[in-house]
Amino acid sequence: MAAPARCFYHPDRPALALCVSCRKPICPSCSTLWEGMHHCSTCLAERRAGVVERGAALRTVAVALLTVGLLAGLTFLRAWIGAALAGAS
């Protein structure tokens, strides 16, 4: 019979699960369920950093698109006001 797996970070504790990313055995203190899967703190921090990076990139794209839209709107408005004033003279 094989000995029960021990936590990679706490060898004095039995393992509850394997981290889905690094496959290390982890105890309940080291395990965090995220998206229904067990992760160790190291792998979870890496995954969360990736989510934050994608969020920042999406915000940058949204700001760029909003800026282009505002500039196009102002250009149209300026031309429309100029034509209206020219027609009023």
PDB file of N, CA and C in Angstrom:
ATOM      1  N   MET A   1       0.845  -1.172   0.000  1.00  0.00           N
ATOM      2  CA  MET A   1       0.000   0.000   0.000  1.00  0.00           C
ATOM      3  C   MET A   1       0.893   1.238   0.000  1.00  0.00           C
ATOM      4  N   ALA A   2       0.573   2.209  -0.856  1.00  0.00           N
ATOM      5  CA  ALA A   2       1.373   3.422  -0.977  1.00  0.00           C
ATOM      6  C   ALA A   2       1.050   4.379   0.161  1.00  0.00           C
ATOM      7  N   ALA A   3       2.066   5.121   0.577  1.00  0.00           N
ATOM      8  CA  ALA A   3       1.873   6.124   1.627  1.00  0.00           C
ATOM      9  C   ALA A   3       1.043   7.278   1.062  1.00  0.00           C
ATOM     10  N   PRO A   4       0.199   7.889   1.882  1.00  0.00           N
ATOM     11  CA  PRO A   4      -0.595   9.014   1.380  1.00  0.00           C
ATOM     12  C   PRO A   4       0.312  10.173   0.981  1.00  0.00           C
ATOM     13  N   ALA A   5      -0.110  10.898  -0.033  1.00  0.00           N
ATOM     14  CA  ALA A   5       0.689  12.032  -0.514  1.00  0.00           C
ATOM     15  C   ALA A   5       0.733  13.129   0.549  1.00  0.00           C
ATOM     16  N   ARG A   6       1.857  13.792   0.603  1.00  0.00           N
ATOM     17  CA  ARG A   6       2.062  14.881   1.559  1.00  0.00           C
ATOM     18  C   ARG A   6       2.065  16.209   0.793  1.00  0.00           C
ATOM     19  N   CYS A   7       1.689  17.278   1.456  1.00  0.00           N
ATOM     20  CA  CYS A   7       1.665  18.600   0.847  1.00  0.00           C
ATOM     21  C   CYS A   7       3.080  19.016   0.450  1.00  0.00           C
ATOM     22  N   PHE A   8       3.212  19.573  -0.740  1.00  0.00           N
ATOM     23  CA  PHE A   8       4.508  20.023  -1.221  1.00  0.00           C
ATOM     24  C   PHE A   8       5.064  21.135  -0.335  1.00  0.00           C
ATOM     25  N   TYR A   9       4.192  22.034   0.126  1.00  0.00           N
ATOM     26  CA  TYR A   9       4.612  23.185   0.924  1.00  0.00           C
ATOM     27  C   TYR A   9       4.657  22.896   2.418  1.00  0.00           C
ATOM     28  N   HIS A  10       3.871  21.922   2.872  1.00  0.00           N
ATOM     29  CA  HIS A  10       3.815  21.534   4.289  1.00  0.00           C
ATOM     30  C   HIS A  10       3.950  20.017   4.384  1.00  0.00           C
ATOM     31  N   PRO A  11       5.156  19.488   4.383  1.00  0.00           N
ATOM     32  CA  PRO A  11       5.363  18.038   4.370  1.00  0.00           C
ATOM     33  C   PRO A  11       4.750  17.310   5.567  1.00  0.00           C
ATOM     34  N   ASP A  12       4.421  18.041   6.628  1.00  0.00           N
ATOM     35  CA  ASP A  12       3.821  17.408   7.801  1.00  0.00           C
ATOM     36  C   ASP A  12       2.303  17.228   7.651  1.00  0.00           C
ATOM     37  N   ARG A  13       1.719  17.712   6.539  1.00  0.00           N
ATOM     38  CA  ARG A  13       0.275  17.638   6.330  1.00  0.00           C
ATOM     39  C   ARG A  13      -0.061  16.747   5.139  1.00  0.00           C
ATOM     40  N   PRO A  14      -1.176  16.010   5.216  1.00  0.00           N
ATOM     41  CA  PRO A  14      -1.590  15.213   4.063  1.00  0.00           C
ATOM     42  C   PRO A  14      -2.117  16.102   2.934  1.00  0.00           C
ATOM     43  N   ALA A  15      -1.928  15.659   1.725  1.00  0.00           N
ATOM     44  CA  ALA A  15      -2.391  16.426   0.569  1.00  0.00           C
ATOM     45  C   ALA A  15      -3.887  16.207   0.362  1.00  0.00           C
ATOM     46  N   LEU A  16      -4.573  17.252  -0.034  1.00  0.00           N
ATOM     47  CA  LEU A  16      -6.000  17.204  -0.350  1.00  0.00           C
ATOM     48  C   LEU A  16      -6.197  16.994  -1.848  1.00  0.00           C
ATOM     49  N   ALA A  17      -5.356  17.652  -2.657  1.00  0.00           N
ATOM     50  CA  ALA A  17      -5.533  17.635  -4.106  1.00  0.00           C
ATOM     51  C   ALA A  17      -4.198  17.917  -4.783  1.00  0.00           C
ATOM     52  N   LEU A  18      -4.237  17.864  -6.107  1.00  0.00           N
ATOM     53  CA  LEU A  18      -3.089  18.263  -6.919  1.00  0.00           C
ATOM     54  C   LEU A  18      -3.415  19.604  -7.562  1.00  0.00           C
ATOM     55  N   CYS A  19      -2.448  20.497  -7.576  1.00  0.00           N
ATOM     56  CA  CYS A  19      -2.623  21.753  -8.291  1.00  0.00           C
ATOM     57  C   CYS A  19      -2.772  21.425  -9.779  1.00  0.00           C
ATOM     58  N   VAL A  20      -3.785  22.000 -10.427  1.00  0.00           N
ATOM     59  CA  VAL A  20      -4.026  21.670 -11.832  1.00  0.00           C
ATOM     60  C   VAL A  20      -2.941  22.210 -12.761  1.00  0.00           C
ATOM     61  N   SER A  21      -2.189  23.188 -12.317  1.00  0.00           N
ATOM     62  CA  SER A  21      -1.152  23.765 -13.171  1.00  0.00           C
ATOM     63  C   SER A  21       0.193  23.070 -13.016  1.00  0.00           C
ATOM     64  N   CYS A  22       0.690  23.001 -11.786  1.00  0.00           N
ATOM     65  CA  CYS A  22       2.038  22.448 -11.566  1.00  0.00           C
ATOM     66  C   CYS A  22       2.017  20.986 -11.118  1.00  0.00           C
ATOM     67  N   ARG A  23       0.829  20.472 -10.800  1.00  0.00           N
ATOM     68  CA  ARG A  23       0.638  19.063 -10.397  1.00  0.00           C
ATOM     69  C   ARG A  23       1.280  18.730  -9.055  1.00  0.00           C
ATOM     70  N   LYS A  24       1.569  19.713  -8.236  1.00  0.00           N
ATOM     71  CA  LYS A  24       2.125  19.464  -6.904  1.00  0.00           C
ATOM     72  C   LYS A  24       0.989  19.094  -5.955  1.00  0.00           C
ATOM     73  N   PRO A  25       1.221  18.138  -5.053  1.00  0.00           N
ATOM     74  CA  PRO A  25       0.210  17.825  -4.048  1.00  0.00           C
ATOM     75  C   PRO A  25       0.113  18.973  -3.043  1.00  0.00           C
ATOM     76  N   ILE A  26      -1.117  19.358  -2.693  1.00  0.00           N
ATOM     77  CA  ILE A  26      -1.323  20.487  -1.784  1.00  0.00           C
ATOM     78  C   ILE A  26      -2.354  20.142  -0.719  1.00  0.00           C
ATOM     79  N   CYS A  27      -2.149  20.715   0.466  1.00  0.00           N
ATOM     80  CA  CYS A  27      -3.057  20.494   1.595  1.00  0.00           C
ATOM     81  C   CYS A  27      -4.218  21.491   1.514  1.00  0.00           C
ATOM     82  N   PRO A  28      -5.225  21.362   2.371  1.00  0.00           N
ATOM     83  CA  PRO A  28      -6.346  22.306   2.339  1.00  0.00           C
ATOM     84  C   PRO A  28      -5.919  23.762   2.540  1.00  0.00           C
ATOM     85  N   SER A  29      -4.888  24.024   3.328  1.00  0.00           N
ATOM     86  CA  SER A  29      -4.416  25.399   3.542  1.00  0.00           C
ATOM     87  C   SER A  29      -3.805  25.999   2.287  1.00  0.00           C
ATOM     88  N   CYS A  30      -3.236  25.172   1.457  1.00  0.00           N
ATOM     89  CA  CYS A  30      -2.554  25.650   0.254  1.00  0.00           C
ATOM     90  C   CYS A  30      -3.453  25.632  -0.981  1.00  0.00           C
ATOM     91  N   SER A  31      -4.587  24.987  -0.882  1.00  0.00           N
ATOM     92  CA  SER A  31      -5.475  24.826  -2.025  1.00  0.00           C
ATOM     93  C   SER A  31      -6.519  25.935  -2.085  1.00  0.00           C
ATOM     94  N   THR A  32      -6.688  26.497  -3.273  1.00  0.00           N
ATOM     95  CA  THR A  32      -7.746  27.462  -3.522  1.00  0.00           C
ATOM     96  C   THR A  32      -8.515  26.994  -4.748  1.00  0.00           C
ATOM     97  N   LEU A  33      -9.831  26.896  -4.603  1.00  0.00           N
ATOM     98  CA  LEU A  33     -10.660  26.553  -5.752  1.00  0.00           C
ATOM     99  C   LEU A  33     -10.891  27.811  -6.577  1.00  0.00           C
ATOM    100  N   TRP A  34     -10.526  27.759  -7.831  1.00  0.00           N
ATOM    101  CA  TRP A  34     -10.769  28.866  -8.754  1.00  0.00           C
ATOM    102  C   TRP A  34     -11.239  28.259 -10.052  1.00  0.00           C
ATOM    103  N   GLU A  35     -12.393  28.693 -10.513  1.00  0.00           N
ATOM    104  CA  GLU A  35     -13.029  28.131 -11.698  1.00  0.00           C
ATOM    105  C   GLU A  35     -13.236  26.631 -11.529  1.00  0.00           C
ATOM    106  N   GLY A  36     -13.520  26.214 -10.285  1.00  0.00           N
ATOM    107  CA  GLY A  36     -13.828  24.821 -10.001  1.00  0.00           C
ATOM    108  C   GLY A  36     -12.630  23.884  -9.950  1.00  0.00           C
ATOM    109  N   MET A  37     -11.409  24.431  -9.959  1.00  0.00           N
ATOM    110  CA  MET A  37     -10.205  23.606  -9.941  1.00  0.00           C
ATOM    111  C   MET A  37      -9.284  24.050  -8.813  1.00  0.00           C
ATOM    112  N   HIS A  38      -8.511  23.103  -8.281  1.00  0.00           N
ATOM    113  CA  HIS A  38      -7.566  23.391  -7.201  1.00  0.00           C
ATOM    114  C   HIS A  38      -6.293  24.018  -7.774  1.00  0.00           C
ATOM    115  N   HIS A  39      -5.853  25.085  -7.110  1.00  0.00           N
ATOM    116  CA  HIS A  39      -4.610  25.769  -7.496  1.00  0.00           C
ATOM    117  C   HIS A  39      -3.791  26.024  -6.240  1.00  0.00           C
ATOM    118  N   CYS A  40      -2.467  25.928  -6.363  1.00  0.00           N
ATOM    119  CA  CYS A  40      -1.595  26.337  -5.255  1.00  0.00           C
ATOM    120  C   CYS A  40      -1.436  27.856  -5.340  1.00  0.00           C
ATOM    121  N   SER A  41      -0.920  28.475  -4.291  1.00  0.00           N
ATOM    122  CA  SER A  41      -0.839  29.940  -4.251  1.00  0.00           C
ATOM    123  C   SER A  41       0.068  30.502  -5.350  1.00  0.00           C
ATOM    124  N   THR A  42       1.140  29.809  -5.669  1.00  0.00           N
ATOM    125  CA  THR A  42       2.064  30.284  -6.705  1.00  0.00           C
ATOM    126  C   THR A  42       1.387  30.308  -8.068  1.00  0.00           C
ATOM    127  N   CYS A  43       0.745  29.214  -8.434  1.00  0.00           N
ATOM    128  CA  CYS A  43       0.079  29.131  -9.744  1.00  0.00           C
ATOM    129  C   CYS A  43      -1.126  30.061  -9.810  1.00  0.00           C
ATOM    130  N   LEU A  44      -1.849  30.190  -8.702  1.00  0.00           N
ATOM    131  CA  LEU A  44      -3.001  31.082  -8.675  1.00  0.00           C
ATOM    132  C   LEU A  44      -2.569  32.527  -8.885  1.00  0.00           C
ATOM    133  N   ALA A  45      -1.470  32.940  -8.273  1.00  0.00           N
ATOM    134  CA  ALA A  45      -0.963  34.300  -8.456  1.00  0.00           C
ATOM    135  C   ALA A  45      -0.593  34.547  -9.921  1.00  0.00           C
ATOM    136  N   GLU A  46       0.006  33.559 -10.570  1.00  0.00           N
ATOM    137  CA  GLU A  46       0.368  33.695 -11.981  1.00  0.00           C
ATOM    138  C   GLU A  46      -0.879  33.817 -12.851  1.00  0.00           C
ATOM    139  N   ARG A  47      -1.903  33.010 -12.566  1.00  0.00           N
ATOM    140  CA  ARG A  47      -3.146  33.067 -13.348  1.00  0.00           C
ATOM    141  C   ARG A  47      -3.848  34.401 -13.161  1.00  0.00           C
ATOM    142  N   ARG A  48      -3.908  34.885 -11.930  1.00  0.00           N
ATOM    143  CA  ARG A  48      -4.568  36.161 -11.666  1.00  0.00           C
ATOM    144  C   ARG A  48      -3.818  37.310 -12.318  1.00  0.00           C
ATOM    145  N   ALA A  49      -2.500  37.251 -12.349  1.00  0.00           N
ATOM    146  CA  ALA A  49      -1.710  38.291 -13.010  1.00  0.00           C
ATOM    147  C   ALA A  49      -2.046  38.325 -14.500  1.00  0.00           C
ATOM    148  N   GLY A  50      -2.234  37.155 -15.099  1.00  0.00           N
ATOM    149  CA  GLY A  50      -2.610  37.090 -16.514  1.00  0.00           C
ATOM    150  C   GLY A  50      -3.962  37.717 -16.771  1.00  0.00           C
ATOM    151  N   VAL A  51      -4.892  37.531 -15.866  1.00  0.00           N
ATOM    152  CA  VAL A  51      -6.223  38.129 -16.007  1.00  0.00           C
ATOM    153  C   VAL A  51      -6.126  39.641 -15.912  1.00  0.00           C
ATOM    154  N   VAL A  52      -5.329  40.142 -14.986  1.00  0.00           N
ATOM    155  CA  VAL A  52      -5.158  41.581 -14.824  1.00  0.00           C
ATOM    156  C   VAL A  52      -4.517  42.172 -16.074  1.00  0.00           C
ATOM    157  N   GLU A  53      -3.522  41.507 -16.650  1.00  0.00           N
ATOM    158  CA  GLU A  53      -2.853  42.016 -17.839  1.00  0.00           C
ATOM    159  C   GLU A  53      -3.825  42.116 -19.013  1.00  0.00           C
ATOM    160  N   ARG A  54      -4.677  41.103 -19.188  1.00  0.00           N
ATOM    161  CA  ARG A  54      -5.653  41.147 -20.270  1.00  0.00           C
ATOM    162  C   ARG A  54      -6.642  42.284 -20.046  1.00  0.00           C
ATOM    163  N   GLY A  55      -7.042  42.493 -18.802  1.00  0.00           N
ATOM    164  CA  GLY A  55      -7.971  43.576 -18.484  1.00  0.00           C
ATOM    165  C   GLY A  55      -7.380  44.932 -18.802  1.00  0.00           C
ATOM    166  N   ALA A  56      -6.106  45.108 -18.497  1.00  0.00           N
ATOM    167  CA  ALA A  56      -5.442  46.381 -18.777  1.00  0.00           C
ATOM    168  C   ALA A  56      -5.354  46.611 -20.284  1.00  0.00           C
ATOM    169  N   ALA A  57      -5.082  45.579 -21.045  1.00  0.00           N
ATOM    170  CA  ALA A  57      -4.992  45.708 -22.498  1.00  0.00           C
ATOM    171  C   ALA A  57      -6.355  46.078 -23.084  1.00  0.00           C
ATOM    172  N   LEU A  58      -7.420  45.469 -22.579  1.00  0.00           N
ATOM    173  CA  LEU A  58      -8.756  45.793 -23.069  1.00  0.00           C
ATOM    174  C   LEU A  58      -9.134  47.235 -22.740  1.00  0.00           C
ATOM    175  N   ARG A  59      -8.754  47.708 -21.561  1.00  0.00           N
ATOM    176  CA  ARG A  59      -9.030  49.105 -21.205  1.00  0.00           C
ATOM    177  C   ARG A  59      -8.283  50.055 -22.140  1.00  0.00           C
ATOM    178  N   THR A  60      -7.047  49.732 -22.480  1.00  0.00           N
ATOM    179  CA  THR A  60      -6.263  50.571 -23.379  1.00  0.00           C
ATOM    180  C   THR A  60      -6.918  50.649 -24.753  1.00  0.00           C
ATOM    181  N   VAL A  61      -7.372  49.516 -25.261  1.00  0.00           N
ATOM    182  CA  VAL A  61      -8.049  49.492 -26.566  1.00  0.00           C
ATOM    183  C   VAL A  61      -9.346  50.300 -26.500  1.00  0.00           C
ATOM    184  N   ALA A  62     -10.101  50.155 -25.418  1.00  0.00           N
ATOM    185  CA  ALA A  62     -11.363  50.891 -25.275  1.00  0.00           C
ATOM    186  C   ALA A  62     -11.118  52.395 -25.240  1.00  0.00           C
ATOM    187  N   VAL A  63     -10.100  52.833 -24.524  1.00  0.00           N
ATOM    188  CA  VAL A  63      -9.784  54.266 -24.457  1.00  0.00           C
ATOM    189  C   VAL A  63      -9.354  54.769 -25.836  1.00  0.00           C
ATOM    190  N   ALA A  64      -8.566  53.988 -26.551  1.00  0.00           N
ATOM    191  CA  ALA A  64      -8.124  54.398 -27.889  1.00  0.00           C
ATOM    192  C   ALA A  64      -9.314  54.529 -28.831  1.00  0.00           C
ATOM    193  N   LEU A  65     -10.234  53.567 -28.801  1.00  0.00           N
ATOM    194  CA  LEU A  65     -11.415  53.630 -29.664  1.00  0.00           C
ATOM    195  C   LEU A  65     -12.314  54.812 -29.299  1.00  0.00           C
ATOM    196  N   LEU A  66     -12.465  55.063 -28.019  1.00  0.00           N
ATOM    197  CA  LEU A  66     -13.264  56.205 -27.573  1.00  0.00           C
ATOM    198  C   LEU A  66     -12.639  57.519 -28.028  1.00  0.00           C
ATOM    199  N   THR A  67     -11.327  57.627 -27.946  1.00  0.00           N
ATOM    200  CA  THR A  67     -10.629  58.834 -28.387  1.00  0.00           C
ATOM    201  C   THR A  67     -10.821  59.060 -29.881  1.00  0.00           C
ATOM    202  N   VAL A  68     -10.674  58.017 -30.681  1.00  0.00           N
ATOM    203  CA  VAL A  68     -10.858  58.134 -32.129  1.00  0.00           C
ATOM    204  C   VAL A  68     -12.298  58.552 -32.430  1.00  0.00           C
ATOM    205  N   GLY A  69     -13.257  57.964 -31.731  1.00  0.00           N
ATOM    206  CA  GLY A  69     -14.662  58.322 -31.943  1.00  0.00           C
ATOM    207  C   GLY A  69     -14.943  59.776 -31.600  1.00  0.00           C
ATOM    208  N   LEU A  70     -14.393  60.242 -30.495  1.00  0.00           N
ATOM    209  CA  LEU A  70     -14.587  61.646 -30.112  1.00  0.00           C
ATOM    210  C   LEU A  70     -13.959  62.597 -31.119  1.00  0.00           C
ATOM    211  N   LEU A  71     -12.762  62.264 -31.581  1.00  0.00           N
ATOM    212  CA  LEU A  71     -12.111  63.122 -32.578  1.00  0.00           C
ATOM    213  C   LEU A  71     -12.899  63.161 -33.884  1.00  0.00           C
ATOM    214  N   ALA A  72     -13.414  62.019 -34.310  1.00  0.00           N
ATOM    215  CA  ALA A  72     -14.229  61.980 -35.532  1.00  0.00           C
ATOM    216  C   ALA A  72     -15.507  62.788 -35.335  1.00  0.00           C
ATOM    217  N   GLY A  73     -16.127  62.676 -34.166  1.00  0.00           N
ATOM    218  CA  GLY A  73     -17.341  63.440 -33.887  1.00  0.00           C
ATOM    219  C   GLY A  73     -17.084  64.935 -33.874  1.00  0.00           C
ATOM    220  N   LEU A  74     -15.998  65.350 -33.262  1.00  0.00           N
ATOM    221  CA  LEU A  74     -15.653  66.778 -33.230  1.00  0.00           C
ATOM    222  C   LEU A  74     -15.348  67.306 -34.629  1.00  0.00           C
ATOM    223  N   THR A  75     -14.677  66.511 -35.442  1.00  0.00           N
ATOM    224  CA  THR A  75     -14.370  66.924 -36.819  1.00  0.00           C
ATOM    225  C   THR A  75     -15.663  67.122 -37.599  1.00  0.00           C
ATOM    226  N   PHE A  76     -16.596  66.180 -37.477  1.00  0.00           N
ATOM    227  CA  PHE A  76     -17.889  66.289 -38.157  1.00  0.00           C
ATOM    228  C   PHE A  76     -18.653  67.514 -37.653  1.00  0.00           C
ATOM    229  N   LEU A  77     -18.681  67.716 -36.345  1.00  0.00           N
ATOM    230  CA  LEU A  77     -19.406  68.836 -35.751  1.00  0.00           C
ATOM    231  C   LEU A  77     -18.820  70.164 -36.214  1.00  0.00           C
ATOM    232  N   ARG A  78     -17.512  70.247 -36.283  1.00  0.00           N
ATOM    233  CA  ARG A  78     -16.848  71.483 -36.744  1.00  0.00           C
ATOM    234  C   ARG A  78     -17.220  71.780 -38.193  1.00  0.00           C
ATOM    235  N   ALA A  79     -17.210  70.754 -39.039  1.00  0.00           N
ATOM    236  CA  ALA A  79     -17.563  70.943 -40.447  1.00  0.00           C
ATOM    237  C   ALA A  79     -19.045  71.334 -40.577  1.00  0.00           C
ATOM    238  N   TRP A  80     -19.893  70.745 -39.795  1.00  0.00           N
ATOM    239  CA  TRP A  80     -21.337  71.025 -39.846  1.00  0.00           C
ATOM    240  C   TRP A  80     -21.616  72.460 -39.388  1.00  0.00           C
ATOM    241  N   ILE A  81     -20.954  72.897 -38.307  1.00  0.00           N
ATOM    242  CA  ILE A  81     -21.137  74.271 -37.824  1.00  0.00           C
ATOM    243  C   ILE A  81     -20.588  75.264 -38.836  1.00  0.00           C
ATOM    244  N   GLY A  82     -19.446  74.952 -39.434  1.00  0.00           N
ATOM    245  CA  GLY A  82     -18.880  75.833 -40.460  1.00  0.00           C
ATOM    246  C   GLY A  82     -19.797  75.984 -41.657  1.00  0.00           C
ATOM    247  N   ALA A  83     -20.411  74.890 -42.089  1.00  0.00           N
ATOM    248  CA  ALA A  83     -21.328  74.938 -43.229  1.00  0.00           C
ATOM    249  C   ALA A  83     -22.592  75.709 -42.845  1.00  0.00           C
ATOM    250  N   ALA A  84     -23.068  75.539 -41.634  1.00  0.00           N
ATOM    251  CA  ALA A  84     -24.262  76.248 -41.183  1.00  0.00           C
ATOM    252  C   ALA A  84     -24.009  77.748 -41.107  1.00  0.00           C
ATOM    253  N   LEU A  85     -22.839  78.129 -40.619  1.00  0.00           N
ATOM    254  CA  LEU A  85     -22.509  79.557 -40.541  1.00  0.00           C
ATOM    255  C   LEU A  85     -22.296  80.160 -41.928  1.00  0.00           C
ATOM    256  N   ALA A  86     -21.707  79.409 -42.833  1.00  0.00           N
ATOM    257  CA  ALA A  86     -21.479  79.898 -44.190  1.00  0.00           C
ATOM    258  C   ALA A  86     -22.816  80.095 -44.909  1.00  0.00           C
ATOM    259  N   GLY A  87     -23.774  79.222 -44.641  1.00  0.00           N
ATOM    260  CA  GLY A  87     -25.083  79.335 -45.278  1.00  0.00           C
ATOM    261  C   GLY A  87     -25.900  80.459 -44.690  1.00  0.00           C
ATOM    262  N   ALA A  88     -25.613  80.842 -43.457  1.00  0.00           N
ATOM    263  CA  ALA A  88     -26.372  81.904 -42.797  1.00  0.00           C
ATOM    264  C   ALA A  88     -25.930  83.278 -43.257  1.00  0.00           C
ATOM    265  N   SER A  89     -24.749  83.382 -43.836  1.00  0.00           N
ATOM    266  CA  SER A  89     -24.220  84.696 -44.233  1.00  0.00           C
ATOM    267  C   SER A  89     -24.853  85.213 -45.477  1.00  0.00           C
TER     268      SER A  89
END
